[in-house]
């Protein structure tokens, strides 16, 4: 899917402003931003639920989506709802019991949709997604209302869809969940894509805690990009971007200079930290 110069207004208010982005098969994209940043509107435009926009959206594959509140028939049971959407999707035979067991709804298969909790409704949305053969999938806040086990299952499911060559775009305010699965992050703020973060880049962001040394920044060669530095009472925190293959050499350099490294870890997938850093520039 390719989005070119997308612009959407509600009256005189600009909600999306000149957005140009592109997806690739076999990719998990995390869409993040504050409330009111335009995430749901962007997804609705991509899903063709909103058509009165300026710009162009081109898709060369089928698309399915779960946006905002799950839409099902209140008076039908869980299983009958799935049957309806199976027929609408043109499929003939489906192992409903297997799908419902996967999402933990087998025992509730005869319950009417209006009797379900928010978490169960989200699970039913996941089950409906399993019936889809679309190549592009849009999920708007899919982790809302889910228990821990179902969240883990959903993450595994999204990863499985990626392995099948599908593109999954997930909006969520639960940044930790996205950081565990996303390949790319679209950071949307005030209607604009402020930054695209590639979480699979060989350049990684490492967070190091060292024994406090006042001139540690002068010791680190300029070829290493320092993203952040903070002194505490007894320690200093360094955020540095380097090739993953160079981390051992970097640590060796610090140790040879007499700097005591207390801890370090790859924080590339810490989306909250990436956004805060971007906002401080």
C-alpha atoms as a PDB file:
ATOM      1  CA  UNK A   1       0.000   0.000   0.000  1.00  0.00           C
ATOM      2  CA  UNK A   2       1.222   3.486  -0.850  1.00  0.00           C
ATOM      3  CA  UNK A   3      -0.154   6.688   0.663  1.00  0.00           C
ATOM      4  CA  UNK A   4       0.811   9.906  -1.131  1.00  0.00           C
ATOM      5  CA  UNK A   5       0.241  13.440   0.202  1.00  0.00           C
ATOM      6  CA  UNK A   6      -2.820  12.428   2.198  1.00  0.00           C
ATOM      7  CA  UNK A   7      -4.712  15.355   3.704  1.00  0.00           C
ATOM      8  CA  UNK A   8      -7.972  15.166   5.638  1.00  0.00           C
ATOM      9  CA  UNK A   9      -9.999  18.017   7.116  1.00  0.00           C
ATOM     10  CA  UNK A  10     -13.031  18.069   9.393  1.00  0.00           C
ATOM     11  CA  UNK A  11     -14.473  21.444   8.595  1.00  0.00           C
ATOM     12  CA  UNK A  12     -11.517  23.811   8.879  1.00  0.00           C
ATOM     13  CA  UNK A  13      -9.557  21.523  11.197  1.00  0.00           C
ATOM     14  CA  UNK A  14      -6.653  19.710   9.550  1.00  0.00           C
ATOM     15  CA  UNK A  15      -6.570  16.175  10.958  1.00  0.00           C
ATOM     16  CA  UNK A  16      -4.064  14.607   8.544  1.00  0.00           C
ATOM     17  CA  UNK A  17      -1.516  16.825   6.845  1.00  0.00           C
ATOM     18  CA  UNK A  18       0.479  15.736   3.781  1.00  0.00           C
ATOM     19  CA  UNK A  19       1.156  12.139   4.818  1.00  0.00           C
ATOM     20  CA  UNK A  20       3.228   9.990   2.461  1.00  0.00           C
ATOM     21  CA  UNK A  21       4.069   6.472   3.622  1.00  0.00           C
ATOM     22  CA  UNK A  22       4.470   3.009   2.140  1.00  0.00           C
ATOM     23  CA  UNK A  23       4.061  -0.542   3.420  1.00  0.00           C
ATOM     24  CA  UNK A  24       5.867  -3.732   2.460  1.00  0.00           C
ATOM     25  CA  UNK A  25       4.721  -7.370   2.573  1.00  0.00           C
ATOM     26  CA  UNK A  26       5.845  -9.320   5.622  1.00  0.00           C
ATOM     27  CA  UNK A  27       6.036  -6.248   7.831  1.00  0.00           C
ATOM     28  CA  UNK A  28       4.542  -5.291  11.195  1.00  0.00           C
ATOM     29  CA  UNK A  29       4.022  -1.545  11.444  1.00  0.00           C
ATOM     30  CA  UNK A  30       3.240   0.150  14.737  1.00  0.00           C
ATOM     31  CA  UNK A  31       1.207   3.357  14.482  1.00  0.00           C
ATOM     32  CA  UNK A  32       1.682   5.501  17.582  1.00  0.00           C
ATOM     33  CA  UNK A  33       0.733   8.996  18.664  1.00  0.00           C
ATOM     34  CA  UNK A  34      -1.171  10.935  21.316  1.00  0.00           C
ATOM     35  CA  UNK A  35      -4.958  10.916  21.491  1.00  0.00           C
ATOM     36  CA  UNK A  36      -6.252  13.140  18.712  1.00  0.00           C
ATOM     37  CA  UNK A  37      -3.116  12.776  16.600  1.00  0.00           C
ATOM     38  CA  UNK A  38      -5.116  11.240  13.729  1.00  0.00           C
ATOM     39  CA  UNK A  39      -4.307   7.530  14.074  1.00  0.00           C
ATOM     40  CA  UNK A  40      -7.869   6.237  13.673  1.00  0.00           C
ATOM     41  CA  UNK A  41      -8.617   8.719  10.883  1.00  0.00           C
ATOM     42  CA  UNK A  42      -5.535   7.521   8.994  1.00  0.00           C
ATOM     43  CA  UNK A  43      -6.639   3.908   9.370  1.00  0.00           C
ATOM     44  CA  UNK A  44     -10.168   4.753   8.220  1.00  0.00           C
ATOM     45  CA  UNK A  45      -8.789   6.437   5.110  1.00  0.00           C
ATOM     46  CA  UNK A  46      -6.634   3.391   4.372  1.00  0.00           C
ATOM     47  CA  UNK A  47      -9.647   1.107   4.883  1.00  0.00           C
ATOM     48  CA  UNK A  48     -11.781   3.271   2.566  1.00  0.00           C
ATOM     49  CA  UNK A  49     -14.187   4.069   5.395  1.00  0.00           C
ATOM     50  CA  UNK A  50     -13.382   7.735   4.793  1.00  0.00           C
ATOM     51  CA  UNK A  51     -13.234   8.778   1.151  1.00  0.00           C
ATOM     52  CA  UNK A  52     -13.460  12.571   1.225  1.00  0.00           C
ATOM     53  CA  UNK A  53      -9.748  13.179   1.591  1.00  0.00           C
ATOM     54  CA  UNK A  54      -7.138  14.799  -0.623  1.00  0.00           C
ATOM     55  CA  UNK A  55      -4.172  12.839  -1.936  1.00  0.00           C
ATOM     56  CA  UNK A  56      -3.922   9.240  -3.054  1.00  0.00           C
ATOM     57  CA  UNK A  57      -4.029   5.779  -1.474  1.00  0.00           C
ATOM     58  CA  UNK A  58      -3.064   2.874  -3.724  1.00  0.00           C
ATOM     59  CA  UNK A  59      -3.352  -0.749  -2.599  1.00  0.00           C
ATOM     60  CA  UNK A  60      -2.495  -3.765  -4.718  1.00  0.00           C
ATOM     61  CA  UNK A  61      -3.792  -6.329  -2.222  1.00  0.00           C
ATOM     62  CA  UNK A  62      -6.945  -7.249  -0.325  1.00  0.00           C
ATOM     63  CA  UNK A  63      -7.446  -5.599   3.043  1.00  0.00           C
ATOM     64  CA  UNK A  64      -9.261  -6.384   6.271  1.00  0.00           C
ATOM     65  CA  UNK A  65      -9.547  -4.267   9.390  1.00  0.00           C
ATOM     66  CA  UNK A  66     -10.734  -3.981  12.964  1.00  0.00           C
ATOM     67  CA  UNK A  67     -11.197  -0.282  13.700  1.00  0.00           C
ATOM     68  CA  UNK A  68     -12.747   1.193  16.852  1.00  0.00           C
ATOM     69  CA  UNK A  69     -15.501  -0.876  18.493  1.00  0.00           C
ATOM     70  CA  UNK A  70     -15.876  -4.435  17.153  1.00  0.00           C
ATOM     71  CA  UNK A  71     -18.878  -4.559  14.782  1.00  0.00           C
ATOM     72  CA  UNK A  72     -21.001  -7.693  15.079  1.00  0.00           C
ATOM     73  CA  UNK A  73     -24.684  -8.617  15.257  1.00  0.00           C
ATOM     74  CA  UNK A  74     -25.910  -8.189  18.846  1.00  0.00           C
ATOM     75  CA  UNK A  75     -28.625 -10.830  18.625  1.00  0.00           C
ATOM     76  CA  UNK A  76     -26.467 -13.573  17.121  1.00  0.00           C
ATOM     77  CA  UNK A  77     -24.256 -15.973  19.019  1.00  0.00           C
ATOM     78  CA  UNK A  78     -20.475 -15.902  18.851  1.00  0.00           C
ATOM     79  CA  UNK A  79     -20.396 -18.841  16.454  1.00  0.00           C
ATOM     80  CA  UNK A  80     -23.263 -17.573  14.295  1.00  0.00           C
ATOM     81  CA  UNK A  81     -21.520 -14.214  13.927  1.00  0.00           C
ATOM     82  CA  UNK A  82     -18.473 -16.015  12.593  1.00  0.00           C
ATOM     83  CA  UNK A  83     -20.691 -17.999  10.208  1.00  0.00           C
ATOM     84  CA  UNK A  84     -22.184 -14.782   8.824  1.00  0.00           C
ATOM     85  CA  UNK A  85     -18.768 -13.231   8.187  1.00  0.00           C
ATOM     86  CA  UNK A  86     -17.543 -16.478   6.656  1.00  0.00           C
ATOM     87  CA  UNK A  87     -20.412 -16.389   4.144  1.00  0.00           C
ATOM     88  CA  UNK A  88     -19.832 -12.687   3.457  1.00  0.00           C
ATOM     89  CA  UNK A  89     -16.181 -13.469   2.835  1.00  0.00           C
ATOM     90  CA  UNK A  90     -17.055 -16.155   0.300  1.00  0.00           C
ATOM     91  CA  UNK A  91     -15.582 -19.074   2.245  1.00  0.00           C
ATOM     92  CA  UNK A  92     -17.397 -22.393   2.464  1.00  0.00           C
ATOM     93  CA  UNK A  93     -15.887 -24.596   5.178  1.00  0.00           C
ATOM     94  CA  UNK A  94     -14.335 -23.363   8.433  1.00  0.00           C
ATOM     95  CA  UNK A  95     -13.389 -25.218  11.609  1.00  0.00           C
ATOM     96  CA  UNK A  96     -15.115 -22.805  13.978  1.00  0.00           C
ATOM     97  CA  UNK A  97     -14.365 -24.867  17.091  1.00  0.00           C
ATOM     98  CA  UNK A  98     -10.635 -24.697  16.371  1.00  0.00           C
ATOM     99  CA  UNK A  99     -10.697 -20.933  15.794  1.00  0.00           C
ATOM    100  CA  UNK A 100     -12.735 -20.274  18.935  1.00  0.00           C
ATOM    101  CA  UNK A 101     -10.465 -22.488  21.044  1.00  0.00           C
ATOM    102  CA  UNK A 102      -7.466 -20.506  19.833  1.00  0.00           C
ATOM    103  CA  UNK A 103      -8.913 -17.251  21.167  1.00  0.00           C
ATOM    104  CA  UNK A 104     -10.457 -18.745  24.298  1.00  0.00           C
ATOM    105  CA  UNK A 105     -14.097 -18.364  23.239  1.00  0.00           C
ATOM    106  CA  UNK A 106     -15.080 -21.983  22.724  1.00  0.00           C
ATOM    107  CA  UNK A 107     -17.026 -22.160  26.007  1.00  0.00           C
ATOM    108  CA  UNK A 108     -18.839 -18.934  25.069  1.00  0.00           C
ATOM    109  CA  UNK A 109     -19.632 -19.990  21.487  1.00  0.00           C
ATOM    110  CA  UNK A 110     -23.398 -19.944  22.115  1.00  0.00           C
ATOM    111  CA  UNK A 111     -23.447 -16.601  23.920  1.00  0.00           C
ATOM    112  CA  UNK A 112     -24.984 -13.663  22.108  1.00  0.00           C
ATOM    113  CA  UNK A 113     -22.619 -10.857  21.163  1.00  0.00           C
ATOM    114  CA  UNK A 114     -24.455  -8.328  23.355  1.00  0.00           C
ATOM    115  CA  UNK A 115     -23.719 -10.527  26.387  1.00  0.00           C
ATOM    116  CA  UNK A 116     -19.955 -10.440  25.893  1.00  0.00           C
ATOM    117  CA  UNK A 117     -17.478  -8.373  27.872  1.00  0.00           C
ATOM    118  CA  UNK A 118     -15.168  -5.937  26.093  1.00  0.00           C
ATOM    119  CA  UNK A 119     -12.317  -8.428  26.264  1.00  0.00           C
ATOM    120  CA  UNK A 120     -14.470 -11.201  24.782  1.00  0.00           C
ATOM    121  CA  UNK A 121     -15.576  -8.896  21.984  1.00  0.00           C
ATOM    122  CA  UNK A 122     -11.928  -8.181  21.211  1.00  0.00           C
ATOM    123  CA  UNK A 123     -11.276 -11.920  21.140  1.00  0.00           C
ATOM    124  CA  UNK A 124     -14.135 -12.387  18.679  1.00  0.00           C
ATOM    125  CA  UNK A 125     -12.561  -9.707  16.477  1.00  0.00           C
ATOM    126  CA  UNK A 126      -9.334 -11.714  16.543  1.00  0.00           C
ATOM    127  CA  UNK A 127     -11.261 -14.855  15.590  1.00  0.00           C
ATOM    128  CA  UNK A 128     -12.843 -13.037  12.648  1.00  0.00           C
ATOM    129  CA  UNK A 129      -9.386 -11.884  11.593  1.00  0.00           C
ATOM    130  CA  UNK A 130      -8.261 -15.517  11.538  1.00  0.00           C
ATOM    131  CA  UNK A 131     -10.916 -16.194   8.919  1.00  0.00           C
ATOM    132  CA  UNK A 132      -9.516 -13.498   6.641  1.00  0.00           C
ATOM    133  CA  UNK A 133      -7.111 -14.193   3.791  1.00  0.00           C
ATOM    134  CA  UNK A 134      -6.318 -10.488   3.249  1.00  0.00           C
ATOM    135  CA  UNK A 135      -2.726  -9.486   2.585  1.00  0.00           C
ATOM    136  CA  UNK A 136      -2.986  -6.212   4.529  1.00  0.00           C
ATOM    137  CA  UNK A 137      -4.552  -6.061   7.993  1.00  0.00           C
ATOM    138  CA  UNK A 138      -5.356  -2.944  10.042  1.00  0.00           C
ATOM    139  CA  UNK A 139      -5.803  -3.323  13.797  1.00  0.00           C
ATOM    140  CA  UNK A 140      -6.875  -0.299  15.834  1.00  0.00           C
ATOM    141  CA  UNK A 141      -6.000  -0.694  19.549  1.00  0.00           C
ATOM    142  CA  UNK A 142      -6.307  -4.510  19.455  1.00  0.00           C
ATOM    143  CA  UNK A 143      -4.816  -5.044  22.937  1.00  0.00           C
ATOM    144  CA  UNK A 144      -7.558  -3.092  24.747  1.00  0.00           C
ATOM    145  CA  UNK A 145      -9.530  -5.186  27.215  1.00  0.00           C
ATOM    146  CA  UNK A 146      -7.463  -8.338  26.721  1.00  0.00           C
ATOM    147  CA  UNK A 147      -6.050 -10.422  29.542  1.00  0.00           C
ATOM    148  CA  UNK A 148      -2.319 -11.157  29.620  1.00  0.00           C
ATOM    149  CA  UNK A 149      -2.565 -14.593  27.992  1.00  0.00           C
ATOM    150  CA  UNK A 150      -4.729 -13.336  25.129  1.00  0.00           C
ATOM    151  CA  UNK A 151      -2.342 -10.427  24.562  1.00  0.00           C
ATOM    152  CA  UNK A 152       0.514 -12.899  24.215  1.00  0.00           C
ATOM    153  CA  UNK A 153      -1.536 -15.007  21.832  1.00  0.00           C
ATOM    154  CA  UNK A 154      -2.419 -11.948  19.748  1.00  0.00           C
ATOM    155  CA  UNK A 155       1.256 -10.981  19.489  1.00  0.00           C
ATOM    156  CA  UNK A 156       2.113 -14.506  18.364  1.00  0.00           C
ATOM    157  CA  UNK A 157      -0.720 -14.352  15.834  1.00  0.00           C
ATOM    158  CA  UNK A 158       0.481 -11.050  14.396  1.00  0.00           C
ATOM    159  CA  UNK A 159       4.012 -12.455  14.070  1.00  0.00           C
ATOM    160  CA  UNK A 160       2.583 -15.533  12.338  1.00  0.00           C
ATOM    161  CA  UNK A 161       0.704 -13.315   9.861  1.00  0.00           C
ATOM    162  CA  UNK A 162       3.975 -11.526   9.093  1.00  0.00           C
ATOM    163  CA  UNK A 163       5.650 -14.882   8.415  1.00  0.00           C
ATOM    164  CA  UNK A 164       2.910 -15.531   5.830  1.00  0.00           C
ATOM    165  CA  UNK A 165       3.978 -12.395   3.960  1.00  0.00           C
ATOM    166  CA  UNK A 166       1.140 -10.233   5.236  1.00  0.00           C
ATOM    167  CA  UNK A 167       1.484  -6.617   6.297  1.00  0.00           C
ATOM    168  CA  UNK A 168      -0.083  -5.854   9.683  1.00  0.00           C
ATOM    169  CA  UNK A 169      -0.549  -2.243  10.788  1.00  0.00           C
ATOM    170  CA  UNK A 170      -1.255  -1.957  14.513  1.00  0.00           C
ATOM    171  CA  UNK A 171      -2.178   1.217  16.365  1.00  0.00           C
ATOM    172  CA  UNK A 172      -1.777   1.073  20.112  1.00  0.00           C
ATOM    173  CA  UNK A 173      -1.063   3.238  23.144  1.00  0.00           C
ATOM    174  CA  UNK A 174       0.489   0.172  24.831  1.00  0.00           C
ATOM    175  CA  UNK A 175       3.979   0.880  23.538  1.00  0.00           C
ATOM    176  CA  UNK A 176       5.640  -2.060  25.279  1.00  0.00           C
ATOM    177  CA  UNK A 177       3.479  -4.535  23.344  1.00  0.00           C
ATOM    178  CA  UNK A 178       4.291  -2.847  20.036  1.00  0.00           C
ATOM    179  CA  UNK A 179       7.994  -2.704  20.799  1.00  0.00           C
ATOM    180  CA  UNK A 180       8.089  -6.478  21.133  1.00  0.00           C
ATOM    181  CA  UNK A 181       6.691  -7.197  17.659  1.00  0.00           C
ATOM    182  CA  UNK A 182       7.000  -4.167  15.349  1.00  0.00           C
ATOM    183  CA  UNK A 183       9.514  -3.860  12.507  1.00  0.00           C
ATOM    184  CA  UNK A 184       8.690  -0.210  11.823  1.00  0.00           C
ATOM    185  CA  UNK A 185       7.078   2.559  13.873  1.00  0.00           C
ATOM    186  CA  UNK A 186       5.100   5.430  12.344  1.00  0.00           C
ATOM    187  CA  UNK A 187       5.095   8.298  14.838  1.00  0.00           C
ATOM    188  CA  UNK A 188       2.062  10.493  14.164  1.00  0.00           C
ATOM    189  CA  UNK A 189       1.735  13.860  15.870  1.00  0.00           C
ATOM    190  CA  UNK A 190      -0.546  16.797  15.053  1.00  0.00           C
ATOM    191  CA  UNK A 191      -1.635  15.108  11.835  1.00  0.00           C
ATOM    192  CA  UNK A 192       1.882  14.582  10.492  1.00  0.00           C
ATOM    193  CA  UNK A 193       4.195  11.593  10.383  1.00  0.00           C
ATOM    194  CA  UNK A 194       6.976  13.093  12.454  1.00  0.00           C
ATOM    195  CA  UNK A 195       9.316  10.132  12.200  1.00  0.00           C
ATOM    196  CA  UNK A 196       9.557   6.588  10.837  1.00  0.00           C
ATOM    197  CA  UNK A 197      11.629   4.357  13.134  1.00  0.00           C
ATOM    198  CA  UNK A 198      13.150   1.194  11.659  1.00  0.00           C
ATOM    199  CA  UNK A 199      13.443  -1.192  14.608  1.00  0.00           C
ATOM    200  CA  UNK A 200      15.220  -3.830  12.495  1.00  0.00           C
ATOM    201  CA  UNK A 201      18.117  -1.582  11.501  1.00  0.00           C
ATOM    202  CA  UNK A 202      21.603  -2.955  12.209  1.00  0.00           C
ATOM    203  CA  UNK A 203      22.303   0.392  13.883  1.00  0.00           C
ATOM    204  CA  UNK A 204      21.052  -0.173  17.416  1.00  0.00           C
ATOM    205  CA  UNK A 205      20.488   2.147  20.356  1.00  0.00           C
ATOM    206  CA  UNK A 206      22.199   1.016  23.558  1.00  0.00           C
ATOM    207  CA  UNK A 207      21.538   2.352  27.036  1.00  0.00           C
ATOM    208  CA  UNK A 208      24.533   2.122  29.341  1.00  0.00           C
ATOM    209  CA  UNK A 209      24.838   2.841  33.037  1.00  0.00           C
ATOM    210  CA  UNK A 210      28.420   3.600  34.066  1.00  0.00           C
ATOM    211  CA  UNK A 211      30.149   4.731  37.221  1.00  0.00           C
ATOM    212  CA  UNK A 212      29.968   8.502  37.116  1.00  0.00           C
ATOM    213  CA  UNK A 213      32.791  10.063  35.098  1.00  0.00           C
ATOM    214  CA  UNK A 214      32.562  13.772  34.331  1.00  0.00           C
ATOM    215  CA  UNK A 215      34.390  13.676  31.005  1.00  0.00           C
ATOM    216  CA  UNK A 216      32.935  10.432  29.636  1.00  0.00           C
ATOM    217  CA  UNK A 217      31.515  12.240  26.584  1.00  0.00           C
ATOM    218  CA  UNK A 218      35.008  13.402  25.615  1.00  0.00           C
ATOM    219  CA  UNK A 219      36.358   9.869  25.857  1.00  0.00           C
ATOM    220  CA  UNK A 220      33.889   8.422  23.347  1.00  0.00           C
ATOM    221  CA  UNK A 221      35.104   8.810  19.722  1.00  0.00           C
ATOM    222  CA  UNK A 222      32.973  10.948  17.416  1.00  0.00           C
ATOM    223  CA  UNK A 223      32.169   7.952  15.176  1.00  0.00           C
ATOM    224  CA  UNK A 224      29.777   6.810  17.901  1.00  0.00           C
ATOM    225  CA  UNK A 225      26.584   8.856  17.899  1.00  0.00           C
ATOM    226  CA  UNK A 226      25.650   9.951  21.419  1.00  0.00           C
ATOM    227  CA  UNK A 227      21.882  10.372  21.645  1.00  0.00           C
ATOM    228  CA  UNK A 228      21.638  11.216  25.308  1.00  0.00           C
ATOM    229  CA  UNK A 229      23.711  11.672  28.443  1.00  0.00           C
ATOM    230  CA  UNK A 230      22.584  12.165  32.030  1.00  0.00           C
ATOM    231  CA  UNK A 231      24.517  12.428  35.280  1.00  0.00           C
ATOM    232  CA  UNK A 232      23.039  11.050  38.489  1.00  0.00           C
ATOM    233  CA  UNK A 233      24.589  11.069  41.971  1.00  0.00           C
ATOM    234  CA  UNK A 234      26.883   8.061  41.478  1.00  0.00           C
ATOM    235  CA  UNK A 235      26.228   7.031  37.888  1.00  0.00           C
ATOM    236  CA  UNK A 236      25.965   8.364  34.364  1.00  0.00           C
ATOM    237  CA  UNK A 237      23.501   7.125  31.747  1.00  0.00           C
ATOM    238  CA  UNK A 238      24.596   7.094  28.120  1.00  0.00           C
ATOM    239  CA  UNK A 239      22.428   6.421  25.076  1.00  0.00           C
ATOM    240  CA  UNK A 240      24.518   5.677  22.012  1.00  0.00           C
ATOM    241  CA  UNK A 241      23.682   4.522  18.477  1.00  0.00           C
ATOM    242  CA  UNK A 242      26.162   2.064  16.973  1.00  0.00           C
ATOM    243  CA  UNK A 243      26.284  -0.998  14.775  1.00  0.00           C
ATOM    244  CA  UNK A 244      25.265  -4.081  16.760  1.00  0.00           C
ATOM    245  CA  UNK A 245      28.514  -5.795  15.720  1.00  0.00           C
ATOM    246  CA  UNK A 246      30.504  -2.973  17.379  1.00  0.00           C
ATOM    247  CA  UNK A 247      29.024  -3.132  20.876  1.00  0.00           C
ATOM    248  CA  UNK A 248      31.796  -5.383  22.249  1.00  0.00           C
ATOM    249  CA  UNK A 249      34.476  -3.026  20.870  1.00  0.00           C
ATOM    250  CA  UNK A 250      32.632  -0.047  22.353  1.00  0.00           C
ATOM    251  CA  UNK A 251      32.458  -1.664  25.795  1.00  0.00           C
ATOM    252  CA  UNK A 252      36.128  -2.624  25.562  1.00  0.00           C
ATOM    253  CA  UNK A 253      37.012   0.991  24.768  1.00  0.00           C
ATOM    254  CA  UNK A 254      35.186   2.249  27.861  1.00  0.00           C
ATOM    255  CA  UNK A 255      36.792  -0.336  30.113  1.00  0.00           C
ATOM    256  CA  UNK A 256      40.278   0.417  28.764  1.00  0.00           C
ATOM    257  CA  UNK A 257      39.659   4.073  29.622  1.00  0.00           C
ATOM    258  CA  UNK A 258      38.932   3.082  33.214  1.00  0.00           C
ATOM    259  CA  UNK A 259      35.154   3.521  32.972  1.00  0.00           C
ATOM    260  CA  UNK A 260      33.223   0.994  35.034  1.00  0.00           C
ATOM    261  CA  UNK A 261      30.224  -0.295  33.049  1.00  0.00           C
ATOM    262  CA  UNK A 262      27.495  -1.313  35.485  1.00  0.00           C
ATOM    263  CA  UNK A 263      24.874  -2.383  32.945  1.00  0.00           C
ATOM    264  CA  UNK A 264      23.867  -2.058  29.308  1.00  0.00           C
ATOM    265  CA  UNK A 265      21.060  -3.206  27.056  1.00  0.00           C
ATOM    266  CA  UNK A 266      19.674  -2.745  23.553  1.00  0.00           C
ATOM    267  CA  UNK A 267      16.874  -0.174  23.922  1.00  0.00           C
ATOM    268  CA  UNK A 268      16.110   0.229  20.208  1.00  0.00           C
ATOM    269  CA  UNK A 269      12.614  -1.182  20.715  1.00  0.00           C
ATOM    270  CA  UNK A 270      11.824   1.131  23.615  1.00  0.00           C
ATOM    271  CA  UNK A 271       9.277   3.184  21.665  1.00  0.00           C
ATOM    272  CA  UNK A 272       8.504   5.522  24.557  1.00  0.00           C
ATOM    273  CA  UNK A 273      12.158   6.513  24.801  1.00  0.00           C
ATOM    274  CA  UNK A 274      12.425   6.998  21.033  1.00  0.00           C
ATOM    275  CA  UNK A 275       9.405   9.307  20.996  1.00  0.00           C
ATOM    276  CA  UNK A 276      10.557  11.315  24.020  1.00  0.00           C
ATOM    277  CA  UNK A 277      13.947  11.732  22.393  1.00  0.00           C
ATOM    278  CA  UNK A 278      12.333  12.850  19.118  1.00  0.00           C
ATOM    279  CA  UNK A 279      10.147  15.332  20.993  1.00  0.00           C
ATOM    280  CA  UNK A 280      13.169  16.888  22.711  1.00  0.00           C
ATOM    281  CA  UNK A 281      14.946  17.679  19.429  1.00  0.00           C
END
